[in-house]
Amino acid sequence: MRSALAALAELPGFQRGEIARFSEMAEESKSAICSYLASVIEIAETEAAGRWSKRRLVRERREEG
Protein backbone atom coordinates (compact mmCIF):
# COMPACT_ATOMS: atom_id res chain seq x y z
CA MET A 1 0.00 0.00 0.00
CA ARG A 2 2.76 2.39 0.95
CA SER A 3 4.63 1.97 -2.32
CA ALA A 4 1.44 2.52 -4.33
CA LEU A 5 0.70 5.71 -2.42
CA ALA A 6 4.31 6.86 -2.79
CA ALA A 7 4.03 6.33 -6.55
CA LEU A 8 0.84 8.41 -6.63
CA ALA A 9 2.59 11.20 -4.76
CA GLU A 10 4.99 11.50 -7.70
CA LEU A 11 2.21 12.06 -10.22
CA PRO A 12 0.82 15.46 -11.12
CA GLY A 13 -2.43 16.35 -9.44
CA PHE A 14 -1.71 14.51 -6.20
CA GLN A 15 -0.58 16.48 -3.18
CA ARG A 16 2.38 14.84 -1.44
CA GLY A 17 1.22 15.97 1.98
CA GLU A 18 -2.21 14.43 1.54
CA ILE A 19 -0.75 11.19 0.22
CA ALA A 20 1.64 11.08 3.20
CA ARG A 21 -1.25 11.68 5.59
CA PHE A 22 -3.32 8.89 4.03
CA SER A 23 -0.30 6.59 4.06
CA GLU A 24 0.12 7.15 7.80
CA MET A 25 -3.60 6.56 8.36
CA ALA A 26 -3.38 3.32 6.38
CA GLU A 27 -0.44 2.12 8.50
CA GLU A 28 -2.32 3.02 11.68
CA SER A 29 -5.39 1.12 10.49
CA LYS A 30 -3.28 -1.88 9.51
CA SER A 31 -1.70 -1.95 12.96
CA ALA A 32 -5.07 -1.65 14.68
CA ILE A 33 -6.54 -4.45 12.56
CA CYS A 34 -3.59 -6.76 13.28
CA SER A 35 -3.81 -6.01 16.99
CA TYR A 36 -7.54 -6.73 17.05
CA LEU A 37 -7.19 -9.97 15.11
CA ALA A 38 -4.36 -11.14 17.35
CA SER A 39 -6.42 -10.46 20.48
CA VAL A 40 -9.41 -12.40 19.14
CA ILE A 41 -7.17 -15.31 18.15
CA GLU A 42 -5.46 -15.24 21.56
CA ILE A 43 -8.81 -15.47 23.36
CA ALA A 44 -9.95 -18.37 21.16
CA GLU A 45 -6.66 -20.24 21.60
CA THR A 46 -6.67 -19.73 25.36
CA GLU A 47 -10.22 -21.09 25.59
CA ALA A 48 -9.28 -24.07 23.42
CA ALA A 49 -6.23 -24.78 25.57
CA GLY A 50 -8.46 -24.77 28.65
CA ARG A 51 -10.86 -27.26 27.09
CA TRP A 52 -8.00 -29.58 26.05
CA SER A 53 -6.47 -29.32 29.51
CA LYS A 54 -9.76 -30.31 31.15
CA ARG A 55 -10.12 -33.27 28.81
CA ARG A 56 -6.56 -34.39 29.57
CA LEU A 57 -7.12 -34.16 33.32
CA VAL A 58 -10.35 -36.16 33.08
CA ARG A 59 -8.61 -38.80 30.99
CA GLU A 60 -5.64 -39.00 33.38
CA ARG A 61 -7.94 -39.35 36.41
CA ARG A 62 -9.91 -42.05 34.65
CA GLU A 63 -6.73 -43.94 33.76
CA GLU A 64 -5.43 -43.70 37.35
CA GLY A 65 -8.64 -44.89 38.94
PDB file of N, CA and C in Angstrom:
ATOM      1  N   MET A   1       0.834  -1.188   0.000  1.00  0.00           N
ATOM      2  CA  MET A   1       0.000   0.000   0.000  1.00  0.00           C
ATOM      3  C   MET A   1       0.876   1.246   0.000  1.00  0.00           C
ATOM      4  N   ARG A   2       1.911   1.197   0.850  1.00  0.00           N
ATOM      5  CA  ARG A   2       2.761   2.395   0.952  1.00  0.00           C
ATOM      6  C   ARG A   2       3.442   2.719  -0.359  1.00  0.00           C
ATOM      7  N   SER A   3       3.931   1.701  -1.064  1.00  0.00           N
ATOM      8  CA  SER A   3       4.631   1.969  -2.316  1.00  0.00           C
ATOM      9  C   SER A   3       3.670   2.507  -3.375  1.00  0.00           C
ATOM     10  N   ALA A   4       2.434   2.010  -3.373  1.00  0.00           N
ATOM     11  CA  ALA A   4       1.441   2.515  -4.326  1.00  0.00           C
ATOM     12  C   ALA A   4       1.123   3.981  -4.044  1.00  0.00           C
ATOM     13  N   LEU A   5       0.973   4.310  -2.766  1.00  0.00           N
ATOM     14  CA  LEU A   5       0.698   5.708  -2.419  1.00  0.00           C
ATOM     15  C   LEU A   5       1.903   6.597  -2.724  1.00  0.00           C
ATOM     16  N   ALA A   6       3.097   6.083  -2.481  1.00  0.00           N
ATOM     17  CA  ALA A   6       4.309   6.860  -2.790  1.00  0.00           C
ATOM     18  C   ALA A   6       4.397   7.127  -4.286  1.00  0.00           C
ATOM     19  N   ALA A   7       4.016   6.145  -5.094  1.00  0.00           N
ATOM     20  CA  ALA A   7       4.026   6.335  -6.548  1.00  0.00           C
ATOM     21  C   ALA A   7       3.013   7.396  -6.960  1.00  0.00           C
ATOM     22  N   LEU A   8       1.847   7.385  -6.323  1.00  0.00           N
ATOM     23  CA  LEU A   8       0.845   8.407  -6.627  1.00  0.00           C
ATOM     24  C   LEU A   8       1.347   9.796  -6.280  1.00  0.00           C
ATOM     25  N   ALA A   9       2.094   9.900  -5.199  1.00  0.00           N
ATOM     26  CA  ALA A   9       2.594  11.205  -4.758  1.00  0.00           C
ATOM     27  C   ALA A   9       3.521  11.827  -5.795  1.00  0.00           C
ATOM     28  N   GLU A  10       4.086  11.002  -6.657  1.00  0.00           N
ATOM     29  CA  GLU A  10       4.992  11.505  -7.700  1.00  0.00           C
ATOM     30  C   GLU A  10       4.244  11.991  -8.941  1.00  0.00           C
ATOM     31  N   LEU A  11       2.979  11.677  -9.040  1.00  0.00           N
ATOM     32  CA  LEU A  11       2.211  12.063 -10.224  1.00  0.00           C
ATOM     33  C   LEU A  11       1.610  13.454 -10.062  1.00  0.00           C
ATOM     34  N   PRO A  12       1.450  14.137 -11.177  1.00  0.00           N
ATOM     35  CA  PRO A  12       0.822  15.459 -11.118  1.00  0.00           C
ATOM     36  C   PRO A  12      -0.629  15.345 -10.643  1.00  0.00           C
ATOM     37  N   GLY A  13      -1.061  16.310  -9.901  1.00  0.00           N
ATOM     38  CA  GLY A  13      -2.433  16.351  -9.439  1.00  0.00           C
ATOM     39  C   GLY A  13      -2.623  15.780  -8.035  1.00  0.00           C
ATOM     40  N   PHE A  14      -1.628  15.061  -7.546  1.00  0.00           N
ATOM     41  CA  PHE A  14      -1.706  14.508  -6.198  1.00  0.00           C
ATOM     42  C   PHE A  14      -0.821  15.321  -5.271  1.00  0.00           C
ATOM     43  N   GLN A  15      -1.361  15.708  -4.143  1.00  0.00           N
ATOM     44  CA  GLN A  15      -0.585  16.481  -3.175  1.00  0.00           C
ATOM     45  C   GLN A  15       0.201  15.534  -2.278  1.00  0.00           C
ATOM     46  N   ARG A  16       1.511  15.727  -2.223  1.00  0.00           N
ATOM     47  CA  ARG A  16       2.380  14.840  -1.440  1.00  0.00           C
ATOM     48  C   ARG A  16       1.970  14.786   0.030  1.00  0.00           C
ATOM     49  N   GLY A  17       1.615  15.928   0.575  1.00  0.00           N
ATOM     50  CA  GLY A  17       1.224  15.974   1.984  1.00  0.00           C
ATOM     51  C   GLY A  17      -0.010  15.138   2.271  1.00  0.00           C
ATOM     52  N   GLU A  18      -0.983  15.220   1.372  1.00  0.00           N
ATOM     53  CA  GLU A  18      -2.208  14.433   1.540  1.00  0.00           C
ATOM     54  C   GLU A  18      -1.919  12.946   1.395  1.00  0.00           C
ATOM     55  N   ILE A  19      -1.110  12.599   0.421  1.00  0.00           N
ATOM     56  CA  ILE A  19      -0.745  11.192   0.221  1.00  0.00           C
ATOM     57  C   ILE A  19      -0.002  10.680   1.454  1.00  0.00           C
ATOM     58  N   ALA A  20       0.900  11.476   1.993  1.00  0.00           N
ATOM     59  CA  ALA A  20       1.643  11.075   3.201  1.00  0.00           C
ATOM     60  C   ALA A  20       0.692  10.887   4.375  1.00  0.00           C
ATOM     61  N   ARG A  21      -0.276  11.777   4.502  1.00  0.00           N
ATOM     62  CA  ARG A  21      -1.248  11.679   5.593  1.00  0.00           C
ATOM     63  C   ARG A  21      -2.078  10.401   5.458  1.00  0.00           C
ATOM     64  N   PHE A  22      -2.532  10.113   4.248  1.00  0.00           N
ATOM     65  CA  PHE A  22      -3.318   8.895   4.025  1.00  0.00           C
ATOM     66  C   PHE A  22      -2.467   7.646   4.224  1.00  0.00           C
ATOM     67  N   SER A  23      -1.209   7.725   3.858  1.00  0.00           N
ATOM     68  CA  SER A  23      -0.302   6.593   4.059  1.00  0.00           C
ATOM     69  C   SER A  23      -0.139   6.291   5.546  1.00  0.00           C
ATOM     70  N   GLU A  24       0.018   7.329   6.342  1.00  0.00           N
ATOM     71  CA  GLU A  24       0.124   7.147   7.797  1.00  0.00           C
ATOM     72  C   GLU A  24      -1.174   6.584   8.376  1.00  0.00           C
ATOM     73  N   MET A  25      -2.310   7.075   7.884  1.00  0.00           N
ATOM     74  CA  MET A  25      -3.598   6.562   8.357  1.00  0.00           C
ATOM     75  C   MET A  25      -3.759   5.081   7.993  1.00  0.00           C
ATOM     76  N   ALA A  26      -3.296   4.720   6.806  1.00  0.00           N
ATOM     77  CA  ALA A  26      -3.384   3.318   6.382  1.00  0.00           C
ATOM     78  C   ALA A  26      -2.520   2.437   7.277  1.00  0.00           C
ATOM     79  N   GLU A  27      -1.323   2.889   7.613  1.00  0.00           N
ATOM     80  CA  GLU A  27      -0.444   2.121   8.500  1.00  0.00           C
ATOM     81  C   GLU A  27      -1.056   1.984   9.893  1.00  0.00           C
ATOM     82  N   GLU A  28      -1.661   3.065  10.374  1.00  0.00           N
ATOM     83  CA  GLU A  28      -2.315   3.019  11.684  1.00  0.00           C
ATOM     84  C   GLU A  28      -3.469   2.013  11.668  1.00  0.00           C
ATOM     85  N   SER A  29      -4.271   2.053  10.611  1.00  0.00           N
ATOM     86  CA  SER A  29      -5.388   1.118  10.488  1.00  0.00           C
ATOM     87  C   SER A  29      -4.893  -0.316  10.404  1.00  0.00           C
ATOM     88  N   LYS A  30      -3.838  -0.538   9.637  1.00  0.00           N
ATOM     89  CA  LYS A  30      -3.279  -1.885   9.508  1.00  0.00           C
ATOM     90  C   LYS A  30      -2.821  -2.402  10.870  1.00  0.00           C
ATOM     91  N   SER A  31      -2.161  -1.558  11.635  1.00  0.00           N
ATOM     92  CA  SER A  31      -1.700  -1.952  12.963  1.00  0.00           C
ATOM     93  C   SER A  31      -2.867  -2.261  13.889  1.00  0.00           C
ATOM     94  N   ALA A  32      -3.898  -1.429  13.840  1.00  0.00           N
ATOM     95  CA  ALA A  32      -5.071  -1.647  14.685  1.00  0.00           C
ATOM     96  C   ALA A  32      -5.783  -2.944  14.307  1.00  0.00           C
ATOM     97  N   ILE A  33      -5.903  -3.216  13.016  1.00  0.00           N
ATOM     98  CA  ILE A  33      -6.539  -4.446  12.558  1.00  0.00           C
ATOM     99  C   ILE A  33      -5.756  -5.658  13.032  1.00  0.00           C
ATOM    100  N   CYS A  34      -4.439  -5.633  12.855  1.00  0.00           N
ATOM    101  CA  CYS A  34      -3.594  -6.757  13.280  1.00  0.00           C
ATOM    102  C   CYS A  34      -3.692  -6.974  14.783  1.00  0.00           C
ATOM    103  N   SER A  35      -3.701  -5.906  15.543  1.00  0.00           N
ATOM    104  CA  SER A  35      -3.810  -6.009  16.990  1.00  0.00           C
ATOM    105  C   SER A  35      -5.140  -6.631  17.384  1.00  0.00           C
ATOM    106  N   TYR A  36      -6.214  -6.187  16.757  1.00  0.00           N
ATOM    107  CA  TYR A  36      -7.540  -6.728  17.051  1.00  0.00           C
ATOM    108  C   TYR A  36      -7.608  -8.213  16.710  1.00  0.00           C
ATOM    109  N   LEU A  37      -7.148  -8.568  15.521  1.00  0.00           N
ATOM    110  CA  LEU A  37      -7.188  -9.971  15.107  1.00  0.00           C
ATOM    111  C   LEU A  37      -6.367 -10.846  16.050  1.00  0.00           C
ATOM    112  N   ALA A  38      -5.199 -10.364  16.432  1.00  0.00           N
ATOM    113  CA  ALA A  38      -4.356 -11.137  17.353  1.00  0.00           C
ATOM    114  C   ALA A  38      -5.048 -11.342  18.691  1.00  0.00           C
ATOM    115  N   SER A  39      -5.743 -10.322  19.180  1.00  0.00           N
ATOM    116  CA  SER A  39      -6.418 -10.463  20.476  1.00  0.00           C
ATOM    117  C   SER A  39      -7.569 -11.458  20.397  1.00  0.00           C
ATOM    118  N   VAL A  40      -8.308 -11.452  19.300  1.00  0.00           N
ATOM    119  CA  VAL A  40      -9.411 -12.397  19.139  1.00  0.00           C
ATOM    120  C   VAL A  40      -8.863 -13.817  19.039  1.00  0.00           C
ATOM    121  N   ILE A  41      -7.794 -14.000  18.283  1.00  0.00           N
ATOM    122  CA  ILE A  41      -7.167 -15.313  18.152  1.00  0.00           C
ATOM    123  C   ILE A  41      -6.624 -15.780  19.496  1.00  0.00           C
ATOM    124  N   GLU A  42      -6.008 -14.871  20.243  1.00  0.00           N
ATOM    125  CA  GLU A  42      -5.462 -15.238  21.557  1.00  0.00           C
ATOM    126  C   GLU A  42      -6.567 -15.746  22.484  1.00  0.00           C
ATOM    127  N   ILE A  43      -7.689 -15.058  22.511  1.00  0.00           N
ATOM    128  CA  ILE A  43      -8.805 -15.475  23.363  1.00  0.00           C
ATOM    129  C   ILE A  43      -9.292 -16.863  22.954  1.00  0.00           C
ATOM    130  N   ALA A  44      -9.473 -17.071  21.646  1.00  0.00           N
ATOM    131  CA  ALA A  44      -9.955 -18.370  21.161  1.00  0.00           C
ATOM    132  C   ALA A  44      -8.963 -19.479  21.489  1.00  0.00           C
ATOM    133  N   GLU A  45      -7.676 -19.223  21.308  1.00  0.00           N
ATOM    134  CA  GLU A  45      -6.664 -20.237  21.598  1.00  0.00           C
ATOM    135  C   GLU A  45      -6.569 -20.542  23.089  1.00  0.00           C
ATOM    136  N   THR A  46      -6.708 -19.526  23.917  1.00  0.00           N
ATOM    137  CA  THR A  46      -6.672 -19.734  25.365  1.00  0.00           C
ATOM    138  C   THR A  46      -7.861 -20.583  25.809  1.00  0.00           C
ATOM    139  N   GLU A  47      -9.032 -20.297  25.264  1.00  0.00           N
ATOM    140  CA  GLU A  47     -10.217 -21.091  25.591  1.00  0.00           C
ATOM    141  C   GLU A  47     -10.053 -22.530  25.121  1.00  0.00           C
ATOM    142  N   ALA A  48      -9.506 -22.718  23.932  1.00  0.00           N
ATOM    143  CA  ALA A  48      -9.284 -24.074  23.418  1.00  0.00           C
ATOM    144  C   ALA A  48      -8.286 -24.816  24.290  1.00  0.00           C
ATOM    145  N   ALA A  49      -7.226 -24.139  24.704  1.00  0.00           N
ATOM    146  CA  ALA A  49      -6.228 -24.779  25.570  1.00  0.00           C
ATOM    147  C   ALA A  49      -6.858 -25.218  26.885  1.00  0.00           C
ATOM    148  N   GLY A  50      -7.758 -24.414  27.420  1.00  0.00           N
ATOM    149  CA  GLY A  50      -8.455 -24.767  28.654  1.00  0.00           C
ATOM    150  C   GLY A  50      -9.314 -26.008  28.477  1.00  0.00           C
ATOM    151  N   ARG A  51     -10.021 -26.080  27.349  1.00  0.00           N
ATOM    152  CA  ARG A  51     -10.856 -27.262  27.087  1.00  0.00           C
ATOM    153  C   ARG A  51      -9.991 -28.515  26.960  1.00  0.00           C
ATOM    154  N   TRP A  52      -8.887 -28.418  26.221  1.00  0.00           N
ATOM    155  CA  TRP A  52      -8.000 -29.575  26.052  1.00  0.00           C
ATOM    156  C   TRP A  52      -7.381 -29.989  27.374  1.00  0.00           C
ATOM    157  N   SER A  53      -7.058 -29.022  28.199  1.00  0.00           N
ATOM    158  CA  SER A  53      -6.470 -29.319  29.506  1.00  0.00           C
ATOM    159  C   SER A  53      -7.467 -30.077  30.381  1.00  0.00           C
ATOM    160  N   LYS A  54      -8.719 -29.625  30.378  1.00  0.00           N
ATOM    161  CA  LYS A  54      -9.755 -30.310  31.154  1.00  0.00           C
ATOM    162  C   LYS A  54      -9.919 -31.748  30.677  1.00  0.00           C
ATOM    163  N   ARG A  55      -9.959 -31.924  29.358  1.00  0.00           N
ATOM    164  CA  ARG A  55     -10.115 -33.274  28.810  1.00  0.00           C
ATOM    165  C   ARG A  55      -8.946 -34.174  29.225  1.00  0.00           C
ATOM    166  N   ARG A  56      -7.745 -33.626  29.182  1.00  0.00           N
ATOM    167  CA  ARG A  56      -6.562 -34.389  29.567  1.00  0.00           C
ATOM    168  C   ARG A  56      -6.641 -34.789  31.026  1.00  0.00           C
ATOM    169  N   LEU A  57      -7.019 -33.858  31.889  1.00  0.00           N
ATOM    170  CA  LEU A  57      -7.121 -34.164  33.316  1.00  0.00           C
ATOM    171  C   LEU A  57      -8.160 -35.241  33.588  1.00  0.00           C
ATOM    172  N   VAL A  58      -9.307 -35.156  32.915  1.00  0.00           N
ATOM    173  CA  VAL A  58     -10.354 -36.164  33.079  1.00  0.00           C
ATOM    174  C   VAL A  58      -9.825 -37.527  32.630  1.00  0.00           C
ATOM    175  N   ARG A  59      -9.160 -37.549  31.507  1.00  0.00           N
ATOM    176  CA  ARG A  59      -8.606 -38.803  30.994  1.00  0.00           C
ATOM    177  C   ARG A  59      -7.569 -39.387  31.944  1.00  0.00           C
ATOM    178  N   GLU A  60      -6.671 -38.524  32.460  1.00  0.00           N
ATOM    179  CA  GLU A  60      -5.636 -39.000  33.385  1.00  0.00           C
ATOM    180  C   GLU A  60      -6.248 -39.550  34.672  1.00  0.00           C
ATOM    181  N   ARG A  61      -7.267 -38.884  35.184  1.00  0.00           N
ATOM    182  CA  ARG A  61      -7.942 -39.355  36.410  1.00  0.00           C
ATOM    183  C   ARG A  61      -8.624 -40.699  36.177  1.00  0.00           C
ATOM    184  N   ARG A  62      -9.227 -40.816  35.005  1.00  0.00           N
ATOM    185  CA  ARG A  62      -9.913 -42.049  34.654  1.00  0.00           C
ATOM    186  C   ARG A  62      -8.897 -43.204  34.529  1.00  0.00           C
ATOM    187  N   GLU A  63      -7.753 -42.922  33.934  1.00  0.00           N
ATOM    188  CA  GLU A  63      -6.727 -43.942  33.758  1.00  0.00           C
ATOM    189  C   GLU A  63      -6.090 -44.345  35.091  1.00  0.00           C
ATOM    190  N   GLU A  64      -6.009 -43.406  36.038  1.00  0.00           N
ATOM    191  CA  GLU A  64      -5.426 -43.697  37.354  1.00  0.00           C
ATOM    192  C   GLU A  64      -6.374 -44.517  38.219  1.00  0.00           C
ATOM    193  N   GLY A  65      -7.649 -44.318  38.052  1.00  0.00           N
ATOM    194  CA  GLY A  65      -8.642 -44.891  38.943  1.00  0.00           C
ATOM    195  C   GLY A  65      -9.062 -46.232  38.535  1.00  0.00           C
TER     196      GLY A  65
END
